[in-house]
Amino acid sequence: MIDRKLAGVRCRTVQHLTTREGLLQRNTCGTICYEIDNLDRRLVLVEWDNGMNIPVFLEEIEILGQPERLAA
């Protein structure tokens, strides 16, 4: 199931990630589009600032804020 609770939230990579589109350097920032469960792990589709749209595992990123609709 697609979960859009974090849609629009900024994040960054916590390590270098090798992806099908190339390398995502550590500290690359992006905006979360949605989350989805994949074989008992959480995948997060992120629109990265470098133009890539790459899914990553939740443990590979750091959330930099909260969704505006949940922020106080």
C-alpha atoms as a PDB file:
ATOM      1  CA  MET A   1       0.000   0.000   0.000  1.00  0.00           C
ATOM      2  CA  ILE A   2       1.249   3.503  -0.819  1.00  0.00           C
ATOM      3  CA  ASP A   3       1.632   5.790   2.191  1.00  0.00           C
ATOM      4  CA  ARG A   4       1.790   9.535   1.470  1.00  0.00           C
ATOM      5  CA  LYS A   5       2.077  10.774   5.088  1.00  0.00           C
ATOM      6  CA  LEU A   6       5.647  11.970   4.487  1.00  0.00           C
ATOM      7  CA  ALA A   7       5.016  13.366   0.990  1.00  0.00           C
ATOM      8  CA  GLY A   8       6.727  16.723   0.620  1.00  0.00           C
ATOM      9  CA  VAL A   9       9.123  16.177   3.534  1.00  0.00           C
ATOM     10  CA  ARG A  10      12.815  16.864   2.927  1.00  0.00           C
ATOM     11  CA  CYS A  11      15.404  14.168   3.542  1.00  0.00           C
ATOM     12  CA  ARG A  12      19.065  13.396   2.888  1.00  0.00           C
ATOM     13  CA  THR A  13      21.157  10.292   2.367  1.00  0.00           C
ATOM     14  CA  VAL A  14      23.205   9.080   5.328  1.00  0.00           C
ATOM     15  CA  GLN A  15      25.673   7.118   3.175  1.00  0.00           C
ATOM     16  CA  HIS A  16      26.810   6.757  -0.445  1.00  0.00           C
ATOM     17  CA  LEU A  17      24.198   4.787  -2.411  1.00  0.00           C
ATOM     18  CA  THR A  18      24.787   3.018  -5.712  1.00  0.00           C
ATOM     19  CA  THR A  19      21.536   3.076  -7.732  1.00  0.00           C
ATOM     20  CA  ARG A  20      20.430   2.069 -11.212  1.00  0.00           C
ATOM     21  CA  GLU A  21      20.755   5.717 -12.292  1.00  0.00           C
ATOM     22  CA  GLY A  22      24.171   6.281 -10.726  1.00  0.00           C
ATOM     23  CA  LEU A  23      25.747   7.225  -7.424  1.00  0.00           C
ATOM     24  CA  LEU A  24      23.899   9.207  -4.769  1.00  0.00           C
ATOM     25  CA  GLN A  25      26.549  10.878  -2.639  1.00  0.00           C
ATOM     26  CA  ARG A  26      26.231  11.049   1.142  1.00  0.00           C
ATOM     27  CA  ASN A  27      24.226  14.146   2.205  1.00  0.00           C
ATOM     28  CA  THR A  28      22.336  14.351  -1.111  1.00  0.00           C
ATOM     29  CA  CYS A  29      19.011  16.067  -0.352  1.00  0.00           C
ATOM     30  CA  GLY A  30      15.603  15.385  -1.833  1.00  0.00           C
ATOM     31  CA  THR A  31      11.847  15.454  -1.310  1.00  0.00           C
ATOM     32  CA  ILE A  32       9.854  12.358  -0.360  1.00  0.00           C
ATOM     33  CA  CYS A  33       7.042  11.419  -2.756  1.00  0.00           C
ATOM     34  CA  TYR A  34       5.661   8.356  -0.960  1.00  0.00           C
ATOM     35  CA  GLU A  35       6.486   5.206   1.024  1.00  0.00           C
ATOM     36  CA  ILE A  36       5.612   1.625   0.200  1.00  0.00           C
ATOM     37  CA  ASP A  37       6.113  -1.770   1.881  1.00  0.00           C
ATOM     38  CA  ASN A  38       8.375  -4.117  -0.081  1.00  0.00           C
ATOM     39  CA  LEU A  39       9.038  -7.614   1.279  1.00  0.00           C
ATOM     40  CA  ASP A  40       8.671  -6.470   4.903  1.00  0.00           C
ATOM     41  CA  ARG A  41      10.928  -3.433   4.360  1.00  0.00           C
ATOM     42  CA  ARG A  42       9.941   0.191   3.878  1.00  0.00           C
ATOM     43  CA  LEU A  43      10.871   1.737   0.503  1.00  0.00           C
ATOM     44  CA  VAL A  44      10.720   5.509   0.080  1.00  0.00           C
ATOM     45  CA  LEU A  45      10.475   7.111  -3.374  1.00  0.00           C
ATOM     46  CA  VAL A  46      12.457  10.348  -3.298  1.00  0.00           C
ATOM     47  CA  GLU A  47      12.769  13.093  -5.897  1.00  0.00           C
ATOM     48  CA  TRP A  48      16.426  14.006  -5.410  1.00  0.00           C
ATOM     49  CA  ASP A  49      17.726  17.533  -5.954  1.00  0.00           C
ATOM     50  CA  ASN A  50      20.126  16.205  -8.615  1.00  0.00           C
ATOM     51  CA  GLY A  51      17.156  15.218 -10.809  1.00  0.00           C
ATOM     52  CA  MET A  52      17.001  11.505  -9.987  1.00  0.00           C
ATOM     53  CA  ASN A  53      13.800   9.824  -8.788  1.00  0.00           C
ATOM     54  CA  ILE A  54      15.129   6.844  -6.865  1.00  0.00           C
ATOM     55  CA  PRO A  55      13.533   4.606  -4.233  1.00  0.00           C
ATOM     56  CA  VAL A  56      15.690   4.001  -1.162  1.00  0.00           C
ATOM     57  CA  PHE A  57      15.217   2.120   2.075  1.00  0.00           C
ATOM     58  CA  LEU A  58      14.062   4.150   5.067  1.00  0.00           C
ATOM     59  CA  GLU A  59      17.256   3.374   6.987  1.00  0.00           C
ATOM     60  CA  GLU A  60      19.350   4.936   4.170  1.00  0.00           C
ATOM     61  CA  ILE A  61      17.918   8.435   4.689  1.00  0.00           C
ATOM     62  CA  GLU A  62      17.499  10.992   7.428  1.00  0.00           C
ATOM     63  CA  ILE A  63      14.187  12.860   7.633  1.00  0.00           C
ATOM     64  CA  LEU A  64      14.866  16.611   7.849  1.00  0.00           C
ATOM     65  CA  GLY A  65      11.412  17.843   8.850  1.00  0.00           C
ATOM     66  CA  GLN A  66       7.783  16.959   9.318  1.00  0.00           C
ATOM     67  CA  PRO A  67       4.943  17.187   6.832  1.00  0.00           C
ATOM     68  CA  GLU A  68       3.469  20.678   6.981  1.00  0.00           C
ATOM     69  CA  ARG A  69      -0.003  19.336   7.692  1.00  0.00           C
ATOM     70  CA  LEU A  70       1.372  17.656  10.871  1.00  0.00           C
ATOM     71  CA  ALA A  71       3.652  20.485  11.998  1.00  0.00           C
ATOM     72  CA  ALA A  72       2.426  22.561  14.917  1.00  0.00           C
END
